[in-house]
Amino acid sequence: MYGCNNFCSYCIIPYARGRVRSLPLEQCAHEAQDLAEAGYQEIVLTGIEISSWGQDLGDGLSLIDAVEAICRALPGHIRVRLGSLEPRTITPEFCRRAAALPNLCPQFHLSMQSGCDDTLKRMNRKYDTTRYAQSVALLNQYFDHPAVTTDLITGFPEETEEEFAQTLD
């Protein structure tokens, strides 16, 4: 998927690469099969902002639909891993369906950016620290020992020492 609709205050991607454009579901599965046939043992589903996959297709599909289609199109020994996810993606429905996919790696990179709600607001992020923590709790509820990784932006304009300390906490 290409583009982004989020318009975070620090990011030029929506202006430079445009709005979300998703690869159609059948094409996602077909490309994954082609990679498996070429000998790849792991396929990473990635894009500029994969949590928005399907929003532009107009058929009600979401990222978990693409993940299921890809996992089911591949031989069971081919691992599937997800790129960076927005916390809003991690719902009980997403987790229930993802946990049923034996070749999906239980490793989730959740974008955090900051552990301070005021900084997240200045960043124009669409979640807060409570939602982030809920996403991690859901992953732990549905997966045995999931790996959760994240990324942080420190020194964001106007970030105070107190706000940075909140991120460290």
C-alpha atoms as a PDB file:
ATOM      1  CA  MET A   1       0.000   0.000   0.000  1.00  0.00           C
ATOM      2  CA  TYR A   2       1.139   3.493  -0.773  1.00  0.00           C
ATOM      3  CA  GLY A   3       0.302   6.899   0.616  1.00  0.00           C
ATOM      4  CA  CYS A   4      -1.154   7.989   3.914  1.00  0.00           C
ATOM      5  CA  ASN A   5      -4.215   9.855   5.166  1.00  0.00           C
ATOM      6  CA  ASN A   6      -2.993  10.624   8.688  1.00  0.00           C
ATOM      7  CA  PHE A   7      -1.259  13.993   8.220  1.00  0.00           C
ATOM      8  CA  CYS A   8       0.967  13.774  11.284  1.00  0.00           C
ATOM      9  CA  SER A   9       2.413  17.212  11.986  1.00  0.00           C
ATOM     10  CA  TYR A  10       6.008  16.121  11.313  1.00  0.00           C
ATOM     11  CA  CYS A  11       5.439  14.110   8.135  1.00  0.00           C
ATOM     12  CA  ILE A  12       5.401  15.064   4.471  1.00  0.00           C
ATOM     13  CA  ILE A  13       4.285  11.679   3.122  1.00  0.00           C
ATOM     14  CA  PRO A  14       0.606  12.546   2.495  1.00  0.00           C
ATOM     15  CA  TYR A  15       1.754  15.572   0.498  1.00  0.00           C
ATOM     16  CA  ALA A  16       4.618  13.857  -1.330  1.00  0.00           C
ATOM     17  CA  ARG A  17       3.075  10.439  -1.975  1.00  0.00           C
ATOM     18  CA  GLY A  18      -0.621  11.167  -1.813  1.00  0.00           C
ATOM     19  CA  ARG A  19      -3.523   9.435  -0.167  1.00  0.00           C
ATOM     20  CA  VAL A  20      -3.824   5.721   0.642  1.00  0.00           C
ATOM     21  CA  ARG A  21      -3.715   3.391  -2.373  1.00  0.00           C
ATOM     22  CA  SER A  22      -4.040  -0.302  -1.522  1.00  0.00           C
ATOM     23  CA  LEU A  23      -2.987  -3.228  -3.630  1.00  0.00           C
ATOM     24  CA  PRO A  24      -6.160  -5.249  -4.323  1.00  0.00           C
ATOM     25  CA  LEU A  25      -6.640  -8.332  -2.151  1.00  0.00           C
ATOM     26  CA  GLU A  26      -6.185 -10.882  -4.943  1.00  0.00           C
ATOM     27  CA  GLN A  27      -3.008  -9.173  -6.099  1.00  0.00           C
ATOM     28  CA  CYS A  28      -1.601  -9.209  -2.543  1.00  0.00           C
ATOM     29  CA  ALA A  29      -2.119 -12.964  -2.315  1.00  0.00           C
ATOM     30  CA  HIS A  30      -0.768 -13.565  -5.822  1.00  0.00           C
ATOM     31  CA  GLU A  31       2.403 -11.546  -5.191  1.00  0.00           C
ATOM     32  CA  ALA A  32       2.984 -13.431  -1.932  1.00  0.00           C
ATOM     33  CA  GLN A  33       2.629 -16.744  -3.796  1.00  0.00           C
ATOM     34  CA  ASP A  34       5.124 -15.542  -6.419  1.00  0.00           C
ATOM     35  CA  LEU A  35       7.637 -14.712  -3.682  1.00  0.00           C
ATOM     36  CA  ALA A  36       7.168 -18.118  -2.054  1.00  0.00           C
ATOM     37  CA  GLU A  37       7.681 -19.836  -5.418  1.00  0.00           C
ATOM     38  CA  ALA A  38      10.875 -17.809  -5.864  1.00  0.00           C
ATOM     39  CA  GLY A  39      12.203 -19.299  -2.627  1.00  0.00           C
ATOM     40  CA  TYR A  40      11.466 -16.660  -0.021  1.00  0.00           C
ATOM     41  CA  GLN A  41      10.819 -18.161   3.415  1.00  0.00           C
ATOM     42  CA  GLU A  42       9.413 -15.039   5.062  1.00  0.00           C
ATOM     43  CA  ILE A  43       7.234 -12.304   3.662  1.00  0.00           C
ATOM     44  CA  VAL A  44       6.929  -8.968   5.432  1.00  0.00           C
ATOM     45  CA  LEU A  45       3.726  -7.071   4.726  1.00  0.00           C
ATOM     46  CA  THR A  46       4.684  -3.453   4.690  1.00  0.00           C
ATOM     47  CA  GLY A  47       3.831  -0.120   3.204  1.00  0.00           C
ATOM     48  CA  ILE A  48       3.815   3.506   4.163  1.00  0.00           C
ATOM     49  CA  GLU A  49       0.956   2.987   6.617  1.00  0.00           C
ATOM     50  CA  ILE A  50      -0.364  -0.571   6.363  1.00  0.00           C
ATOM     51  CA  SER A  51      -2.994  -0.083   9.055  1.00  0.00           C
ATOM     52  CA  SER A  52      -4.996   1.860   6.447  1.00  0.00           C
ATOM     53  CA  TRP A  53      -4.878  -0.950   3.892  1.00  0.00           C
ATOM     54  CA  GLY A  54      -8.256  -1.320   2.195  1.00  0.00           C
ATOM     55  CA  GLN A  55      -9.746   2.038   3.162  1.00  0.00           C
ATOM     56  CA  ASP A  56      -9.619   3.158  -0.452  1.00  0.00           C
ATOM     57  CA  LEU A  57     -11.004  -0.039  -1.996  1.00  0.00           C
ATOM     58  CA  GLY A  58     -14.616   0.632  -1.063  1.00  0.00           C
ATOM     59  CA  ASP A  59     -15.435  -2.996  -0.293  1.00  0.00           C
ATOM     60  CA  GLY A  60     -15.209  -2.927   3.504  1.00  0.00           C
ATOM     61  CA  LEU A  61     -11.985  -4.918   3.618  1.00  0.00           C
ATOM     62  CA  SER A  62      -9.323  -4.144   6.201  1.00  0.00           C
ATOM     63  CA  LEU A  63      -5.752  -5.170   6.876  1.00  0.00           C
ATOM     64  CA  ILE A  64      -6.739  -8.408   8.620  1.00  0.00           C
ATOM     65  CA  ASP A  65      -8.557  -9.505   5.462  1.00  0.00           C
ATOM     66  CA  ALA A  66      -5.349  -9.060   3.475  1.00  0.00           C
ATOM     67  CA  VAL A  67      -3.292 -10.839   6.139  1.00  0.00           C
ATOM     68  CA  GLU A  68      -5.673 -13.807   6.137  1.00  0.00           C
ATOM     69  CA  ALA A  69      -5.716 -14.016   2.336  1.00  0.00           C
ATOM     70  CA  ILE A  70      -1.925 -13.936   2.150  1.00  0.00           C
ATOM     71  CA  CYS A  71      -1.372 -16.439   4.962  1.00  0.00           C
ATOM     72  CA  ARG A  72      -3.879 -18.852   3.446  1.00  0.00           C
ATOM     73  CA  ALA A  73      -2.391 -18.506  -0.030  1.00  0.00           C
ATOM     74  CA  LEU A  74       1.042 -19.606   1.174  1.00  0.00           C
ATOM     75  CA  PRO A  75       2.428 -22.984   2.158  1.00  0.00           C
ATOM     76  CA  GLY A  76       2.399 -23.333   5.950  1.00  0.00           C
ATOM     77  CA  HIS A  77       6.186 -23.140   6.313  1.00  0.00           C
ATOM     78  CA  ILE A  78       6.349 -19.637   4.810  1.00  0.00           C
ATOM     79  CA  ARG A  79       6.319 -17.066   7.603  1.00  0.00           C
ATOM     80  CA  VAL A  80       4.342 -13.840   7.329  1.00  0.00           C
ATOM     81  CA  ARG A  81       5.306 -10.808   9.371  1.00  0.00           C
ATOM     82  CA  LEU A  82       3.628  -7.425   9.640  1.00  0.00           C
ATOM     83  CA  GLY A  83       5.376  -4.102   9.256  1.00  0.00           C
ATOM     84  CA  SER A  84       4.600  -1.099  11.419  1.00  0.00           C
ATOM     85  CA  LEU A  85       1.038  -0.922  12.757  1.00  0.00           C
ATOM     86  CA  GLU A  86      -1.002   1.864  14.274  1.00  0.00           C
ATOM     87  CA  PRO A  87      -2.411   1.020  17.726  1.00  0.00           C
ATOM     88  CA  ARG A  88      -5.959   1.422  16.328  1.00  0.00           C
ATOM     89  CA  THR A  89      -5.386  -1.704  14.230  1.00  0.00           C
ATOM     90  CA  ILE A  90      -5.109  -3.917  17.299  1.00  0.00           C
ATOM     91  CA  THR A  91      -8.700  -4.788  18.170  1.00  0.00           C
ATOM     92  CA  PRO A  92     -10.197  -7.975  19.630  1.00  0.00           C
ATOM     93  CA  GLU A  93     -11.430  -8.899  16.128  1.00  0.00           C
ATOM     94  CA  PHE A  94      -7.995  -8.328  14.587  1.00  0.00           C
ATOM     95  CA  CYS A  95      -6.286 -10.338  17.331  1.00  0.00           C
ATOM     96  CA  ARG A  96      -8.777 -13.204  17.219  1.00  0.00           C
ATOM     97  CA  ARG A  97      -8.405 -13.583  13.466  1.00  0.00           C
ATOM     98  CA  ALA A  98      -4.628 -13.070  13.452  1.00  0.00           C
ATOM     99  CA  ALA A  99      -4.074 -15.592  16.253  1.00  0.00           C
ATOM    100  CA  ALA A 100      -5.769 -18.238  14.097  1.00  0.00           C
ATOM    101  CA  LEU A 101      -3.083 -17.911  11.396  1.00  0.00           C
ATOM    102  CA  PRO A 102      -0.300 -20.413  12.174  1.00  0.00           C
ATOM    103  CA  ASN A 103       2.225 -18.862   9.769  1.00  0.00           C
ATOM    104  CA  LEU A 104       1.783 -15.286  11.062  1.00  0.00           C
ATOM    105  CA  CYS A 105       4.763 -14.355  13.237  1.00  0.00           C
ATOM    106  CA  PRO A 106       3.583 -13.060  16.621  1.00  0.00           C
ATOM    107  CA  GLN A 107       5.838 -10.022  16.332  1.00  0.00           C
ATOM    108  CA  PHE A 108       4.121  -6.650  16.196  1.00  0.00           C
ATOM    109  CA  HIS A 109       5.750  -3.297  15.636  1.00  0.00           C
ATOM    110  CA  LEU A 110       3.353  -0.721  17.092  1.00  0.00           C
ATOM    111  CA  SER A 111       4.046   2.911  16.342  1.00  0.00           C
ATOM    112  CA  MET A 112       4.329   4.780  19.618  1.00  0.00           C
ATOM    113  CA  GLN A 113       6.302   7.927  18.716  1.00  0.00           C
ATOM    114  CA  SER A 114       5.893   9.321  22.267  1.00  0.00           C
ATOM    115  CA  GLY A 115       4.761   8.151  25.676  1.00  0.00           C
ATOM    116  CA  CYS A 116       3.286  11.573  26.428  1.00  0.00           C
ATOM    117  CA  ASP A 117      -0.278  12.413  25.415  1.00  0.00           C
ATOM    118  CA  ASP A 118       0.478  16.136  25.008  1.00  0.00           C
ATOM    119  CA  THR A 119       3.338  15.363  22.632  1.00  0.00           C
ATOM    120  CA  LEU A 120       1.182  12.887  20.721  1.00  0.00           C
ATOM    121  CA  LYS A 121      -1.419  15.648  20.266  1.00  0.00           C
ATOM    122  CA  ARG A 122       1.233  18.032  18.904  1.00  0.00           C
ATOM    123  CA  MET A 123       2.316  15.252  16.561  1.00  0.00           C
ATOM    124  CA  ASN A 124      -1.304  14.916  15.401  1.00  0.00           C
ATOM    125  CA  ARG A 125      -1.237  11.207  16.184  1.00  0.00           C
ATOM    126  CA  LYS A 126      -4.646   9.511  16.282  1.00  0.00           C
ATOM    127  CA  TYR A 127      -4.182   7.672  19.600  1.00  0.00           C
ATOM    128  CA  ASP A 128      -3.055   8.288  23.148  1.00  0.00           C
ATOM    129  CA  THR A 129      -0.972   6.316  25.613  1.00  0.00           C
ATOM    130  CA  THR A 130      -4.040   4.569  27.029  1.00  0.00           C
ATOM    131  CA  ARG A 131      -4.967   3.244  23.581  1.00  0.00           C
ATOM    132  CA  TYR A 132      -1.380   2.136  23.014  1.00  0.00           C
ATOM    133  CA  ALA A 133      -1.371   0.210  26.313  1.00  0.00           C
ATOM    134  CA  GLN A 134      -4.731  -1.366  25.424  1.00  0.00           C
ATOM    135  CA  SER A 135      -3.263  -2.583  22.130  1.00  0.00           C
ATOM    136  CA  VAL A 136      -0.322  -4.214  23.911  1.00  0.00           C
ATOM    137  CA  ALA A 137      -2.690  -5.811  26.442  1.00  0.00           C
ATOM    138  CA  LEU A 138      -4.819  -7.248  23.622  1.00  0.00           C
ATOM    139  CA  LEU A 139      -1.770  -8.747  21.925  1.00  0.00           C
ATOM    140  CA  ASN A 140      -0.758 -10.358  25.211  1.00  0.00           C
ATOM    141  CA  GLN A 141      -4.281 -11.682  25.666  1.00  0.00           C
ATOM    142  CA  TYR A 142      -4.454 -13.385  22.265  1.00  0.00           C
ATOM    143  CA  PHE A 143      -0.840 -14.454  21.685  1.00  0.00           C
ATOM    144  CA  ASP A 144       1.587 -16.402  23.862  1.00  0.00           C
ATOM    145  CA  HIS A 145       4.572 -14.138  24.465  1.00  0.00           C
ATOM    146  CA  PRO A 146       4.154 -11.809  21.472  1.00  0.00           C
ATOM    147  CA  ALA A 147       7.137  -9.689  20.559  1.00  0.00           C
ATOM    148  CA  VAL A 148       6.162  -6.023  20.637  1.00  0.00           C
ATOM    149  CA  THR A 149       8.561  -3.437  19.259  1.00  0.00           C
ATOM    150  CA  THR A 150       8.108   0.285  18.789  1.00  0.00           C
ATOM    151  CA  ASP A 151       9.712   3.492  17.647  1.00  0.00           C
ATOM    152  CA  LEU A 152      10.077   6.779  19.458  1.00  0.00           C
ATOM    153  CA  ILE A 153      10.726  10.336  18.376  1.00  0.00           C
ATOM    154  CA  THR A 154      12.618  12.215  21.072  1.00  0.00           C
ATOM    155  CA  GLY A 155      13.372  15.902  21.122  1.00  0.00           C
ATOM    156  CA  PHE A 156      10.128  16.689  19.299  1.00  0.00           C
ATOM    157  CA  PRO A 157       9.554  20.471  19.076  1.00  0.00           C
ATOM    158  CA  GLU A 158       8.310  21.838  22.402  1.00  0.00           C
ATOM    159  CA  GLU A 159       8.907  18.509  24.180  1.00  0.00           C
ATOM    160  CA  THR A 160       9.821  19.235  27.792  1.00  0.00           C
ATOM    161  CA  GLU A 161      12.012  17.185  30.104  1.00  0.00           C
ATOM    162  CA  GLU A 162       8.826  16.125  31.923  1.00  0.00           C
ATOM    163  CA  GLU A 163       7.244  14.923  28.685  1.00  0.00           C
ATOM    164  CA  PHE A 164      10.398  13.024  27.791  1.00  0.00           C
ATOM    165  CA  ALA A 165      10.337  11.453  31.268  1.00  0.00           C
ATOM    166  CA  GLN A 166       6.751  10.310  30.592  1.00  0.00           C
ATOM    167  CA  THR A 167       7.972   8.553  27.462  1.00  0.00           C
ATOM    168  CA  LEU A 168      10.738   6.844  29.416  1.00  0.00           C
ATOM    169  CA  ASP A 169       8.213   5.700  32.030  1.00  0.00           C
END
